[in-house]
């Protein structure tokens, strides 16, 4: 596994990087050697955020954890990653994947097993042509964390969403 660190407004010491490499190194048994792991360490105000993204040939696994201490964040993020890996492996078991064959029978995820999510509600939206600024106003009015609209500028379907840091993001679609 190749681990790549990226720090944003955060000074990651060698001790922290060594601990993260050691703990993420335990995931090595699940993936091929060419697997890339991207670790983003960032700090906003008093909140430290750790993002771990595993880019394997069989798919992508990601966890993001925020807290007051980066050392606690890594201990919280790894069980999330492990749970996702097991779930992903079970889904791909019928298909031939590049995950190494591992006996998961003795493995118990840190959190209790959750039922598979299912669709419980369906909605239909009439897409109204508007600017991104208009969509943000509508988003604030409806009180949701995302809003789908027809972008006047691009002519395509777009989504404006509220980010964890309080700012907004826009997802554009292409055909």
Protein backbone atom coordinates (compact mmCIF):
# COMPACT_ATOMS: atom_id res chain seq x y z
CA UNK A 1 0.00 0.00 0.00
CA UNK A 2 1.15 3.48 -0.80
CA UNK A 3 0.09 6.09 1.76
CA UNK A 4 -0.05 9.72 0.66
CA UNK A 5 -0.44 12.51 3.23
CA UNK A 6 -2.00 15.90 2.56
CA UNK A 7 -2.21 18.53 5.31
CA UNK A 8 -4.46 21.57 5.15
CA UNK A 9 -4.01 24.15 7.91
CA UNK A 10 -2.50 21.36 9.99
CA UNK A 11 1.09 20.60 10.94
CA UNK A 12 1.38 16.82 10.95
CA UNK A 13 4.39 15.66 12.91
CA UNK A 14 6.42 12.59 12.03
CA UNK A 15 5.12 10.78 15.12
CA UNK A 16 1.50 11.19 13.97
CA UNK A 17 2.37 10.13 10.42
CA UNK A 18 4.16 7.03 11.74
CA UNK A 19 1.16 6.07 13.89
CA UNK A 20 -1.24 6.57 10.97
CA UNK A 21 1.01 4.53 8.64
CA UNK A 22 1.24 1.73 11.20
CA UNK A 23 -2.51 1.60 11.81
CA UNK A 24 -3.45 1.88 8.14
CA UNK A 25 -0.81 -0.73 7.39
CA UNK A 26 -3.08 -3.27 9.09
CA UNK A 27 -5.48 -2.85 6.16
CA UNK A 28 -2.75 -4.12 3.83
CA UNK A 29 -4.06 -7.67 4.14
CA UNK A 30 -7.30 -6.67 2.41
CA UNK A 31 -5.78 -5.15 -0.74
CA UNK A 32 -3.22 -5.63 -3.48
CA UNK A 33 0.19 -3.92 -3.31
CA UNK A 34 -0.76 -1.21 -5.84
CA UNK A 35 -3.51 0.15 -3.57
CA UNK A 36 -3.22 3.86 -2.85
CA UNK A 37 -4.37 5.43 0.44
CA UNK A 38 -4.89 9.17 0.65
CA UNK A 39 -4.88 10.67 4.15
CA UNK A 40 -6.02 14.28 4.52
CA UNK A 41 -5.37 16.04 7.81
CA UNK A 42 -7.05 19.41 8.27
CA UNK A 43 -7.94 21.83 10.99
CA UNK A 44 -10.70 24.42 11.04
CA UNK A 45 -11.05 26.46 14.21
CA UNK A 46 -10.72 23.92 17.05
CA UNK A 47 -11.93 20.93 15.01
CA UNK A 48 -9.40 18.51 13.55
CA UNK A 49 -10.59 16.38 10.64
CA UNK A 50 -9.09 13.18 9.28
CA UNK A 51 -10.14 11.82 5.88
CA UNK A 52 -8.92 8.38 4.82
CA UNK A 53 -9.61 7.30 1.24
CA UNK A 54 -8.53 3.88 -0.01
CA UNK A 55 -8.31 3.73 -3.81
CA UNK A 56 -8.19 0.07 -4.79
CA UNK A 57 -8.71 -1.52 -8.18
CA UNK A 58 -11.92 -3.06 -6.83
CA UNK A 59 -13.41 0.21 -5.62
CA UNK A 60 -13.13 3.12 -3.24
CA UNK A 61 -13.53 3.10 0.55
CA UNK A 62 -13.62 6.34 2.53
CA UNK A 63 -14.09 7.58 6.08
CA UNK A 64 -14.10 11.10 7.47
CA UNK A 65 -13.90 11.82 11.19
CA UNK A 66 -13.83 15.15 13.02
CA UNK A 67 -12.91 15.73 16.61
CA UNK A 68 -10.67 17.61 18.99
CA UNK A 69 -7.71 15.24 18.66
CA UNK A 70 -6.22 13.67 15.52
CA UNK A 71 -5.02 10.62 17.48
CA UNK A 72 -8.61 9.87 18.53
CA UNK A 73 -9.78 10.49 14.96
CA UNK A 74 -7.58 7.71 13.55
CA UNK A 75 -8.91 5.30 16.19
CA UNK A 76 -12.47 6.20 15.14
CA UNK A 77 -11.85 6.15 11.38
CA UNK A 78 -10.22 2.70 11.15
CA UNK A 79 -13.22 0.70 12.41
CA UNK A 80 -15.38 2.59 9.89
CA UNK A 81 -12.98 1.67 7.09
CA UNK A 82 -12.81 -1.96 8.21
CA UNK A 83 -16.61 -2.20 8.31
CA UNK A 84 -16.85 -0.77 4.80
CA UNK A 85 -14.19 -3.17 3.54
CA UNK A 86 -16.05 -6.19 4.91
CA UNK A 87 -19.35 -4.95 3.47
CA UNK A 88 -17.71 -4.20 0.11
CA UNK A 89 -16.00 -7.59 0.07
CA UNK A 90 -19.28 -9.38 0.72
CA UNK A 91 -20.90 -7.53 -2.18
CA UNK A 92 -18.05 -8.38 -4.51
CA UNK A 93 -17.67 -11.96 -3.35
CA UNK A 94 -19.90 -13.26 -6.15
CA UNK A 95 -17.96 -11.21 -8.67
CA UNK A 96 -14.30 -11.86 -9.20
CA UNK A 97 -12.48 -9.01 -7.50
CA UNK A 98 -8.90 -8.18 -6.82
CA UNK A 99 -9.30 -8.32 -3.06
CA UNK A 100 -7.18 -11.03 -1.52
CA UNK A 101 -9.11 -14.09 -0.36
CA UNK A 102 -9.41 -13.68 3.39
CA UNK A 103 -11.39 -15.63 5.95
CA UNK A 104 -13.70 -13.07 7.55
CA UNK A 105 -15.40 -15.60 9.83
CA UNK A 106 -13.48 -14.50 12.94
CA UNK A 107 -13.66 -10.81 12.13
CA UNK A 108 -16.16 -8.69 14.01
CA UNK A 109 -16.56 -5.02 13.06
CA UNK A 110 -16.21 -2.58 15.96
CA UNK A 111 -19.78 -1.32 15.57
CA UNK A 112 -22.88 -3.49 15.67
CA UNK A 113 -24.03 -4.72 12.28
CA UNK A 114 -26.55 -2.39 10.69
CA UNK A 115 -29.27 -3.53 8.33
CA UNK A 116 -28.78 -2.77 4.65
CA UNK A 117 -30.37 0.56 3.75
CA UNK A 118 -33.47 0.48 1.57
CA UNK A 119 -35.49 3.03 -0.33
CA UNK A 120 -38.42 4.13 1.83
CA UNK A 121 -39.49 7.29 0.03
CA UNK A 122 -39.48 8.60 -3.51
CA UNK A 123 -39.91 12.19 -4.68
CA UNK A 124 -40.35 13.92 -8.02
CA UNK A 125 -38.95 17.42 -8.57
CA UNK A 126 -39.90 19.89 -11.26
CA UNK A 127 -36.58 21.37 -12.31
CA UNK A 128 -36.79 25.13 -12.46
CA UNK A 129 -34.14 27.07 -14.41
CA UNK A 130 -32.21 29.28 -11.96
CA UNK A 131 -28.75 30.51 -11.05
CA UNK A 132 -26.61 28.95 -8.33
CA UNK A 133 -27.32 31.95 -6.08
CA UNK A 134 -31.08 31.46 -6.52
CA UNK A 135 -30.68 27.77 -5.71
CA UNK A 136 -28.81 28.61 -2.48
CA UNK A 137 -31.69 30.89 -1.46
CA UNK A 138 -34.18 28.08 -2.17
CA UNK A 139 -31.99 25.65 -0.20
CA UNK A 140 -32.08 27.95 2.81
CA UNK A 141 -35.84 28.41 2.46
CA UNK A 142 -36.65 24.69 2.40
CA UNK A 143 -34.21 23.92 5.24
CA UNK A 144 -32.65 20.87 3.55
CA UNK A 145 -28.96 20.18 3.06
CA UNK A 146 -29.19 19.93 -0.76
CA UNK A 147 -31.28 21.36 -3.59
CA UNK A 148 -31.62 20.09 -7.19
CA UNK A 149 -32.17 22.62 -9.97
CA UNK A 150 -31.78 23.30 -13.70
CA UNK A 151 -28.73 25.54 -14.05
CA UNK A 152 -29.51 28.59 -16.21
CA UNK A 153 -25.84 29.06 -17.06
CA UNK A 154 -24.92 25.50 -18.09
CA UNK A 155 -28.35 24.19 -19.04
CA UNK A 156 -27.69 21.00 -17.08
CA UNK A 157 -29.04 19.54 -13.88
CA UNK A 158 -27.10 20.72 -10.80
CA UNK A 159 -27.16 20.14 -7.06
CA UNK A 160 -26.23 22.76 -4.50
CA UNK A 161 -25.46 21.36 -1.04
CA UNK A 162 -24.50 22.52 2.43
CA UNK A 163 -21.01 21.36 3.42
CA UNK A 164 -19.95 20.34 6.94
CA UNK A 165 -17.89 23.52 7.26
CA UNK A 166 -20.98 25.70 6.66
CA UNK A 167 -20.07 26.66 3.09
CA UNK A 168 -21.88 25.52 -0.05
CA UNK A 169 -20.86 23.14 -2.82
CA UNK A 170 -22.22 22.64 -6.32
CA UNK A 171 -22.38 19.37 -8.24
CA UNK A 172 -22.65 19.80 -12.01
CA UNK A 173 -23.75 17.04 -14.37
CA UNK A 174 -22.39 16.22 -17.83
CA UNK A 175 -23.73 14.02 -20.55
